[in-house]
Amino acid sequence: MLAFALSRTGRDAEAVSAARKAVALDPAHANAHNVLGLALGKVGDVTGARKAMTEAARLDPKTFGILREILPPVPVAPRPRAK
């Protein structure tokens, strides 16, 4: 996968872009989400990385299910209270 190769060579912003394209082309491809998560983590988008890796684990629990055990839950913004 291009995104993985870009990330391995330190071209992390390009890796994020390539991984986003891979996910858009095949949203059911668990490894694309995993690579996106790795790339987002390297550029400092921790929340985006967790979301992508959580999706990888959901799509392919046999391969990526361990991520559910090691990643903290993705924070959800609180809803405003009704007045």
Protein backbone atom coordinates (compact mmCIF):
# COMPACT_ATOMS: atom_id res chain seq x y z
CA MET A 1 0.00 0.00 0.00
CA LEU A 2 1.36 3.39 -1.03
CA ALA A 3 0.36 5.03 2.24
CA PHE A 4 2.40 2.53 4.26
CA ALA A 5 5.47 3.08 2.06
CA LEU A 6 5.14 6.86 2.37
CA SER A 7 4.84 6.63 6.13
CA ARG A 8 7.87 4.34 6.39
CA THR A 9 9.95 6.92 4.52
CA GLY A 10 8.87 9.80 6.76
CA ARG A 11 6.41 11.35 4.31
CA ASP A 12 3.64 11.26 6.86
CA ALA A 13 1.34 13.99 5.53
CA GLU A 14 1.41 12.32 2.12
CA ALA A 15 0.74 8.98 3.82
CA VAL A 16 -2.39 10.40 5.44
CA SER A 17 -3.63 11.63 2.08
CA ALA A 18 -2.92 8.30 0.36
CA ALA A 19 -4.56 6.33 3.17
CA ARG A 20 -7.66 8.54 3.07
CA LYS A 21 -7.92 7.83 -0.66
CA ALA A 22 -7.55 4.09 -0.03
CA VAL A 23 -10.32 4.19 2.58
CA ALA A 24 -12.55 6.17 0.21
CA LEU A 25 -11.97 3.63 -2.56
CA ASP A 26 -12.67 0.64 -0.30
CA PRO A 27 -14.27 1.55 3.03
CA ALA A 28 -14.45 -2.14 3.98
CA HIS A 29 -10.68 -2.64 3.75
CA ALA A 30 -9.58 -2.97 7.36
CA ASN A 31 -5.88 -2.55 6.67
CA ALA A 32 -6.52 0.76 4.90
CA HIS A 33 -8.11 2.04 8.12
CA ASN A 34 -5.22 0.65 10.13
CA VAL A 35 -2.60 2.37 7.96
CA LEU A 36 -4.64 5.58 8.10
CA GLY A 37 -4.63 5.33 11.88
CA LEU A 38 -0.87 4.81 11.99
CA ALA A 39 -0.27 7.77 9.66
CA LEU A 40 -2.64 10.04 11.58
CA GLY A 41 -0.86 9.12 14.79
CA LYS A 42 2.48 10.09 13.29
CA VAL A 43 1.17 13.56 12.35
CA GLY A 44 -0.30 14.04 15.83
CA ASP A 45 -4.00 13.44 15.17
CA VAL A 46 -4.55 11.07 18.08
CA THR A 47 -8.35 11.19 17.95
CA GLY A 48 -8.39 10.50 14.20
CA ALA A 49 -5.89 7.69 14.68
CA ARG A 50 -8.05 6.04 17.34
CA LYS A 51 -11.16 6.33 15.16
CA ALA A 52 -9.41 4.76 12.16
CA MET A 53 -7.92 1.94 14.21
CA THR A 54 -11.24 1.29 15.94
CA GLU A 55 -12.82 0.93 12.50
CA ALA A 56 -10.05 -1.48 11.45
CA ALA A 57 -10.82 -3.59 14.53
CA ARG A 58 -14.54 -3.51 13.79
CA LEU A 59 -14.03 -4.58 10.18
CA ASP A 60 -11.52 -7.33 10.91
CA PRO A 61 -11.62 -8.33 14.57
CA LYS A 62 -9.48 -11.42 13.99
CA THR A 63 -6.54 -9.36 12.74
CA PHE A 64 -7.07 -6.01 14.44
CA GLY A 65 -9.26 -6.92 17.41
CA ILE A 66 -6.37 -6.46 19.81
CA LEU A 67 -6.60 -2.74 19.08
CA ARG A 68 -9.87 -2.67 21.02
CA GLU A 69 -7.98 -3.88 24.07
CA ILE A 70 -5.09 -1.43 23.89
CA LEU A 71 -6.77 1.75 22.61
CA PRO A 72 -8.68 3.95 25.00
CA PRO A 73 -12.22 4.72 23.86
CA VAL A 74 -12.69 7.60 21.45
CA PRO A 75 -14.00 10.55 23.45
CA VAL A 76 -17.46 11.77 22.55
CA ALA A 77 -18.23 15.45 22.88
CA PRO A 78 -20.89 16.07 25.51
CA ARG A 79 -24.28 17.19 24.25
CA PRO A 80 -25.43 20.64 25.30
CA ARG A 81 -28.03 20.58 28.04
CA ALA A 82 -31.56 21.62 27.19
CA LYS A 83 -32.70 24.78 28.94
